[in-house]
Amino acid sequence: MQGIHNITRRLEELLENLQKILLKIHKDKPTLNELSRWASAEFKTKEWVKNALEDNVICMSLATRKEGNRLYLTEEGKKFLDTGDKEILLNLFCKNIWGAKEMLLWLKEQPMTSKELFEKFRSIGASWKKGYQVEYRLLWLRALEVVDKSGQKYILTSYGMKFVESLETPLEVRKEPSHNEVVNMLIELGETLGFYVKREESIPSKRRRCDVTWRSREKSSEPPDKVFEVALSIERIRDALSKLEHVAKLWRPYQLYIVVADEENVKKAEDLMEDLWTISRTYKPRVVSWTDIKAVYECWKTKKDLVKELSSRLPS
């Protein structure tokens, strides 16, 4: 997830620049592309502007797309623009950004370094390879004045301590399975339905791999019928779309799928697709929640033998 700090120079400018962006949306109702061009000129940068706006304005539920893909402020976005009340942003951040609330609860227990926070996230299911996502969350929490830095460790401010006391939900472990568990479900389902299944199949001309492919025939020289990408975090969805667009151009498979964490991320992925999918809608991926895959998987497991028999075919 790209932070809005990519279009700001100092920590104290972060909220000021966010208000400028919200004011632009309120006045002009731009598309995301129009807003990105304006932001690039306004903040004199081209680095990750569009991604930053998606992550910090749309995914934070400060603005939403309506007719003609134009952006409109949500009620929360309007309230923040009118009042500048940081608690509005703080509540949205904890609601919409996975791990923000957990981070505050950990810091209530003891001061921690960014590396220690990273390891805590890994222990509850984060698949991050590096600490950028931790730094992104810390930046926002510091700008919202609930977290400060003392030496190498991060601590709660007095306001942060009061806010954390209001958090009723206990520390949460991710309820969704790991990436590999969803991949394994897709592999078992495909094999039972009579497909020839591959895990992490290489994409020709790219140093990348698809999570799962299903083929009706064993010949790997033929394009797959179905290609699946598992993206259980919002930051993985953009990468999945990029991969699947290349796959669609290269293989033209019958169906493409992105498996996401929940129904909220289904909507976010579909919104991202409106901007990022540049080729024919014929190949547009279907976005499904992992809970739908799990429901099919659990139902299938109770009738595994019957499903296998019903899906069997005469040898070609």
Protein backbone atom coordinates (compact mmCIF):
# COMPACT_ATOMS: atom_id res chain seq x y z
CA MET A 1 0.00 0.00 0.00
CA GLN A 2 1.48 3.34 -1.04
CA GLY A 3 1.27 6.13 1.51
CA ILE A 4 0.21 9.66 0.87
CA HIS A 5 3.65 10.57 2.22
CA ASN A 6 4.76 10.03 -1.39
CA ILE A 7 3.08 13.36 -2.20
CA THR A 8 4.23 15.21 0.90
CA ARG A 9 7.62 16.26 2.20
CA ARG A 10 7.18 16.38 5.97
CA LEU A 11 5.09 14.55 8.54
CA GLU A 12 3.21 17.71 9.54
CA GLU A 13 2.14 18.31 5.92
CA LEU A 14 0.35 14.99 5.63
CA LEU A 15 -3.03 16.07 7.00
CA GLU A 16 -2.80 19.48 5.37
CA ASN A 17 -2.27 17.90 1.96
CA LEU A 18 -5.05 15.40 2.58
CA GLN A 19 -7.46 18.28 3.18
CA LYS A 20 -6.34 19.90 -0.09
CA ILE A 21 -7.12 16.65 -1.90
CA LEU A 22 -10.55 16.33 -0.26
CA LEU A 23 -11.36 19.95 -1.10
CA LYS A 24 -10.47 19.28 -4.75
CA ILE A 25 -12.81 16.28 -4.76
CA HIS A 26 -15.60 18.26 -3.08
CA LYS A 27 -15.37 21.13 -5.58
CA ASP A 28 -14.69 19.36 -8.88
CA LYS A 29 -15.86 15.70 -8.52
CA PRO A 30 -12.86 14.54 -10.63
CA THR A 31 -12.15 11.04 -11.87
CA LEU A 32 -9.19 9.31 -10.24
CA ASN A 33 -7.05 10.00 -13.31
CA GLU A 34 -7.96 13.70 -13.24
CA LEU A 35 -7.22 13.87 -9.52
CA SER A 36 -3.87 12.14 -10.05
CA ARG A 37 -2.83 14.67 -12.72
CA TRP A 38 -3.84 17.54 -10.44
CA ALA A 39 -1.98 16.05 -7.45
CA SER A 40 1.17 15.48 -9.52
CA ALA A 41 1.22 19.17 -10.46
CA GLU A 42 0.13 20.44 -7.03
CA PHE A 43 2.68 18.43 -5.05
CA LYS A 44 5.36 18.36 -7.78
CA THR A 45 5.83 14.60 -7.84
CA LYS A 46 4.93 11.65 -10.05
CA GLU A 47 5.90 8.93 -7.60
CA TRP A 48 3.01 6.52 -6.90
CA VAL A 49 0.45 9.36 -6.94
CA LYS A 50 -2.48 7.34 -8.26
CA ASN A 51 -1.80 4.43 -5.92
CA ALA A 52 -1.44 6.79 -2.96
CA LEU A 53 -4.78 8.41 -3.72
CA GLU A 54 -6.51 5.03 -4.05
CA ASP A 55 -5.06 3.72 -0.79
CA ASN A 56 -5.51 6.80 1.34
CA VAL A 57 -8.68 8.39 0.00
CA ILE A 58 -10.79 5.58 -1.46
CA CYS A 59 -9.68 2.63 0.67
CA MET A 60 -9.94 4.85 3.76
CA SER A 61 -13.58 5.55 2.78
CA LEU A 62 -13.06 9.30 2.57
CA ALA A 63 -14.33 9.30 -1.03
CA THR A 64 -16.20 6.91 -3.28
CA ARG A 65 -16.82 6.52 -7.00
CA LYS A 66 -20.25 7.31 -8.38
CA GLU A 67 -21.65 8.03 -11.84
CA GLY A 68 -19.06 8.25 -14.59
CA ASN A 69 -16.39 7.03 -12.15
CA ARG A 70 -16.32 10.49 -10.61
CA LEU A 71 -15.20 10.86 -7.01
CA TYR A 72 -17.52 12.15 -4.31
CA LEU A 73 -16.76 12.64 -0.63
CA THR A 74 -18.37 10.22 1.80
CA GLU A 75 -20.15 11.60 4.86
CA GLU A 76 -16.98 10.98 6.89
CA GLY A 77 -14.91 12.73 4.22
CA LYS A 78 -17.20 15.77 4.37
CA LYS A 79 -17.06 15.87 8.17
CA PHE A 80 -13.26 15.75 8.21
CA LEU A 81 -13.01 18.45 5.53
CA ASP A 82 -15.41 20.68 7.48
CA THR A 83 -13.99 20.15 10.97
CA GLY A 84 -10.42 18.86 10.62
CA ASP A 85 -11.23 16.49 13.49
CA LYS A 86 -8.40 13.96 13.59
CA GLU A 87 -10.50 11.43 15.47
CA ILE A 88 -12.68 10.99 12.37
CA LEU A 89 -9.57 9.94 10.42
CA LEU A 90 -8.31 7.82 13.27
CA ASN A 91 -11.57 5.85 13.45
CA LEU A 92 -11.57 5.36 9.66
CA PHE A 93 -7.93 4.30 9.73
CA CYS A 94 -8.55 1.69 12.43
CA LYS A 95 -11.68 0.45 10.64
CA ASN A 96 -10.32 0.24 7.09
CA ILE A 97 -6.59 -0.44 7.42
CA TRP A 98 -5.85 -3.93 8.67
CA GLY A 99 -3.50 -3.97 11.64
CA ALA A 100 -3.85 -0.33 12.72
CA LYS A 101 -5.93 -1.21 15.76
CA GLU A 102 -3.68 -4.16 16.61
CA MET A 103 -0.63 -1.93 16.44
CA LEU A 104 -2.13 0.47 18.98
CA LEU A 105 -3.00 -2.39 21.32
CA TRP A 106 0.54 -3.78 21.11
CA LEU A 107 2.01 -0.37 21.88
CA LYS A 108 -0.29 -0.08 24.87
CA GLU A 109 1.43 -3.18 26.26
CA GLN A 110 4.97 -1.87 25.67
CA PRO A 111 7.07 0.41 23.42
CA MET A 112 8.28 -1.39 20.29
CA THR A 113 10.66 -0.86 17.37
CA SER A 114 9.38 -1.04 13.80
CA LYS A 115 11.17 -4.38 13.43
CA GLU A 116 9.41 -5.77 16.51
CA LEU A 117 6.07 -4.57 15.15
CA PHE A 118 6.83 -6.21 11.82
CA GLU A 119 7.45 -9.55 13.55
CA LYS A 120 4.19 -9.18 15.49
CA PHE A 121 2.30 -8.66 12.24
CA ARG A 122 3.96 -11.72 10.73
CA SER A 123 2.82 -13.75 13.75
CA ILE A 124 -0.86 -12.93 13.09
CA GLY A 125 -0.86 -13.69 9.38
CA ALA A 126 0.77 -10.79 7.50
CA SER A 127 2.55 -12.04 4.37
CA TRP A 128 4.73 -8.91 4.03
CA LYS A 129 8.36 -9.48 3.09
CA LYS A 130 9.63 -6.08 4.24
CA GLY A 131 8.62 -3.44 6.75
CA TYR A 132 7.11 -0.84 4.41
CA GLN A 133 3.56 -1.59 5.56
CA VAL A 134 4.56 -1.08 9.19
CA GLU A 135 6.20 2.26 8.35
CA TYR A 136 3.08 3.34 6.45
CA ARG A 137 0.85 2.65 9.45
CA LEU A 138 3.26 4.32 11.86
CA LEU A 139 3.41 7.43 9.70
CA TRP A 140 -0.36 7.86 9.84
CA LEU A 141 -0.60 7.12 13.54
CA ARG A 142 2.13 9.67 14.28
CA ALA A 143 0.39 12.29 12.11
CA LEU A 144 -2.84 11.58 14.02
CA GLU A 145 -0.91 12.15 17.27
CA VAL A 146 -1.63 8.81 18.88
CA VAL A 147 1.91 7.47 18.41
CA ASP A 148 5.30 9.12 18.92
CA LYS A 149 8.90 7.97 18.64
CA SER A 150 11.34 7.75 21.55
CA GLY A 151 14.79 6.68 20.42
CA GLN A 152 14.29 3.59 18.25
CA LYS A 153 10.97 2.65 19.84
CA TYR A 154 7.42 3.78 19.19
CA ILE A 155 5.17 4.70 22.10
CA LEU A 156 1.57 5.80 22.63
CA THR A 157 0.97 9.47 23.40
CA SER A 158 -1.38 10.43 26.24
CA TYR A 159 -4.10 10.95 23.62
CA GLY A 160 -3.24 7.56 22.14
CA MET A 161 -3.65 5.90 25.54
CA LYS A 162 -7.11 7.44 25.94
CA PHE A 163 -8.12 6.39 22.42
CA VAL A 164 -6.93 2.81 22.93
CA GLU A 165 -9.05 2.56 26.09
CA SER A 166 -12.08 3.10 23.85
CA LEU A 167 -11.22 0.14 21.63
CA GLU A 168 -13.54 -2.64 22.71
CA THR A 169 -12.45 -5.32 20.27
CA PRO A 170 -9.65 -7.52 21.63
CA LEU A 171 -6.45 -8.22 19.74
CA GLU A 172 -7.43 -10.08 16.59
CA VAL A 173 -5.68 -12.85 14.75
CA ARG A 174 -6.62 -12.87 11.11
CA LYS A 175 -9.64 -15.08 10.61
CA GLU A 176 -8.88 -15.83 6.99
CA PRO A 177 -6.52 -18.67 6.09
CA SER A 178 -3.02 -18.12 4.81
CA HIS A 179 -2.24 -17.63 1.13
CA ASN A 180 -1.00 -21.23 0.87
CA GLU A 181 -4.16 -22.64 2.48
CA VAL A 182 -6.38 -20.95 -0.13
CA VAL A 183 -4.04 -22.12 -2.92
CA ASN A 184 -4.29 -25.69 -1.57
CA MET A 185 -8.10 -25.49 -1.59
CA LEU A 186 -8.06 -24.40 -5.24
CA ILE A 187 -5.66 -27.22 -6.14
CA GLU A 188 -7.81 -29.89 -4.47
CA LEU A 189 -11.00 -28.55 -6.03
CA GLY A 190 -9.48 -28.43 -9.50
CA GLU A 191 -8.08 -31.95 -9.29
CA THR A 192 -11.37 -33.38 -8.04
CA LEU A 193 -13.26 -31.65 -10.87
CA GLY A 194 -10.97 -33.40 -13.36
CA PHE A 195 -8.70 -30.53 -14.31
CA TYR A 196 -4.94 -30.75 -14.73
CA VAL A 197 -3.73 -28.39 -12.05
CA LYS A 198 -0.47 -26.47 -11.63
CA ARG A 199 0.79 -24.45 -8.70
CA GLU A 200 2.90 -21.34 -9.39
CA GLU A 201 3.03 -21.79 -13.15
CA SER A 202 5.57 -19.51 -14.80
CA ILE A 203 4.25 -16.76 -17.05
CA PRO A 204 6.23 -16.75 -20.30
CA SER A 205 8.26 -13.60 -20.94
CA LYS A 206 7.81 -12.51 -17.32
CA ARG A 207 9.72 -13.50 -14.21
CA ARG A 208 6.47 -14.10 -12.39
CA ARG A 209 4.18 -16.99 -11.56
CA CYS A 210 0.43 -17.58 -11.37
CA ASP A 211 -0.83 -18.99 -8.09
CA VAL A 212 -2.99 -21.76 -9.65
CA THR A 213 -3.95 -22.80 -13.17
CA TRP A 214 -6.55 -25.37 -14.32
CA ARG A 215 -6.46 -27.09 -17.71
CA SER A 216 -8.88 -29.48 -19.38
CA ARG A 217 -5.96 -31.22 -21.08
CA GLU A 218 -2.62 -32.28 -19.74
CA LYS A 219 -0.57 -30.55 -22.42
CA SER A 220 1.11 -27.58 -20.79
CA SER A 221 1.70 -26.06 -24.21
CA GLU A 222 -2.01 -25.25 -24.37
CA PRO A 223 -3.34 -22.20 -22.50
CA PRO A 224 -5.04 -22.88 -19.14
CA ASP A 225 -8.81 -22.77 -18.91
CA LYS A 226 -8.81 -20.96 -15.57
CA VAL A 227 -6.20 -18.87 -13.76
CA PHE A 228 -6.40 -17.93 -10.08
CA GLU A 229 -4.56 -15.28 -8.09
CA VAL A 230 -4.94 -15.15 -4.31
CA ALA A 231 -4.73 -11.60 -2.91
CA LEU A 232 -5.71 -11.56 0.75
CA SER A 233 -4.53 -8.01 1.38
CA ILE A 234 -5.42 -4.83 -0.48
CA GLU A 235 -1.77 -4.28 -1.37
CA ARG A 236 -1.69 -7.65 -3.18
CA ILE A 237 -4.75 -6.92 -5.33
CA ARG A 238 -2.95 -4.44 -7.56
CA ASP A 239 -0.16 -6.95 -8.22
CA ALA A 240 -2.73 -9.67 -8.99
CA LEU A 241 -4.47 -7.43 -11.52
CA SER A 242 -1.15 -6.67 -13.22
CA LYS A 243 -0.34 -10.39 -13.49
CA LEU A 244 -3.76 -11.38 -14.76
CA GLU A 245 -3.82 -8.65 -17.38
CA HIS A 246 -0.56 -10.00 -18.78
CA VAL A 247 -1.96 -13.55 -18.61
CA ALA A 248 -5.08 -12.44 -20.49
CA LYS A 249 -3.00 -10.90 -23.29
CA LEU A 250 -0.75 -13.93 -23.53
CA TRP A 251 -3.01 -16.96 -22.96
CA ARG A 252 -6.57 -15.63 -23.41
CA PRO A 253 -7.88 -18.13 -20.85
CA TYR A 254 -11.57 -18.90 -20.46
CA GLN A 255 -11.81 -17.47 -16.93
CA LEU A 256 -9.68 -15.40 -14.55
CA TYR A 257 -10.23 -15.14 -10.80
CA ILE A 258 -8.92 -13.01 -7.93
CA VAL A 259 -9.58 -14.45 -4.48
CA VAL A 260 -9.68 -11.71 -1.82
CA ALA A 261 -10.08 -11.54 1.96
CA ASP A 262 -13.70 -10.41 2.37
CA GLU A 263 -16.70 -8.73 0.75
CA GLU A 264 -15.27 -5.28 1.47
CA ASN A 265 -12.16 -6.17 -0.51
CA VAL A 266 -14.32 -7.56 -3.32
CA LYS A 267 -15.71 -4.04 -3.78
CA LYS A 268 -12.26 -2.45 -3.48
CA ALA A 269 -10.81 -4.85 -6.06
CA GLU A 270 -13.65 -4.13 -8.47
CA ASP A 271 -13.06 -0.39 -8.02
CA LEU A 272 -9.33 -0.82 -8.70
CA MET A 273 -10.13 -2.81 -11.81
CA GLU A 274 -12.10 0.11 -13.24
CA ASP A 275 -8.86 2.10 -13.38
CA LEU A 276 -6.17 -0.53 -13.85
CA TRP A 277 -7.73 -3.00 -16.32
CA THR A 278 -6.79 -1.64 -19.75
CA ILE A 279 -7.72 -4.50 -22.09
CA SER A 280 -11.02 -6.03 -23.24
CA ARG A 281 -13.66 -6.57 -20.55
CA THR A 282 -14.10 -10.04 -22.03
CA TYR A 283 -11.11 -11.12 -19.95
CA LYS A 284 -11.98 -9.11 -16.86
CA PRO A 285 -11.31 -11.25 -13.76
CA ARG A 286 -14.08 -12.33 -11.45
CA VAL A 287 -13.43 -11.25 -7.86
CA VAL A 288 -14.54 -13.68 -5.15
CA SER A 289 -14.13 -13.76 -1.39
CA TRP A 290 -12.10 -16.61 0.12
CA THR A 291 -15.22 -17.43 2.17
CA ASP A 292 -17.01 -18.38 -1.06
CA ILE A 293 -14.11 -20.65 -2.00
CA LYS A 294 -14.15 -22.10 1.51
CA ALA A 295 -17.93 -22.74 1.34
CA VAL A 296 -17.54 -24.63 -1.94
CA TYR A 297 -14.52 -26.49 -0.55
CA GLU A 298 -16.28 -27.58 2.66
CA CYS A 299 -19.41 -28.66 0.80
CA TRP A 300 -17.27 -30.57 -1.68
CA LYS A 301 -15.34 -32.34 1.07
CA THR A 302 -18.53 -33.91 2.44
CA LYS A 303 -19.37 -35.33 -1.02
CA LYS A 304 -15.85 -35.67 -2.42
CA ASP A 305 -16.23 -39.12 -3.96
CA LEU A 306 -19.58 -38.31 -5.56
CA VAL A 307 -18.27 -35.05 -7.01
CA LYS A 308 -15.24 -36.88 -8.42
CA GLU A 309 -17.47 -39.50 -10.02
CA LEU A 310 -19.88 -36.95 -11.49
CA SER A 311 -17.03 -34.89 -12.96
CA SER A 312 -15.27 -37.89 -14.54
CA ARG A 313 -15.11 -38.10 -18.33
CA LEU A 314 -14.28 -40.70 -20.96
CA PRO A 315 -10.61 -40.53 -22.01
CA SER A 316 -10.19 -38.30 -25.07
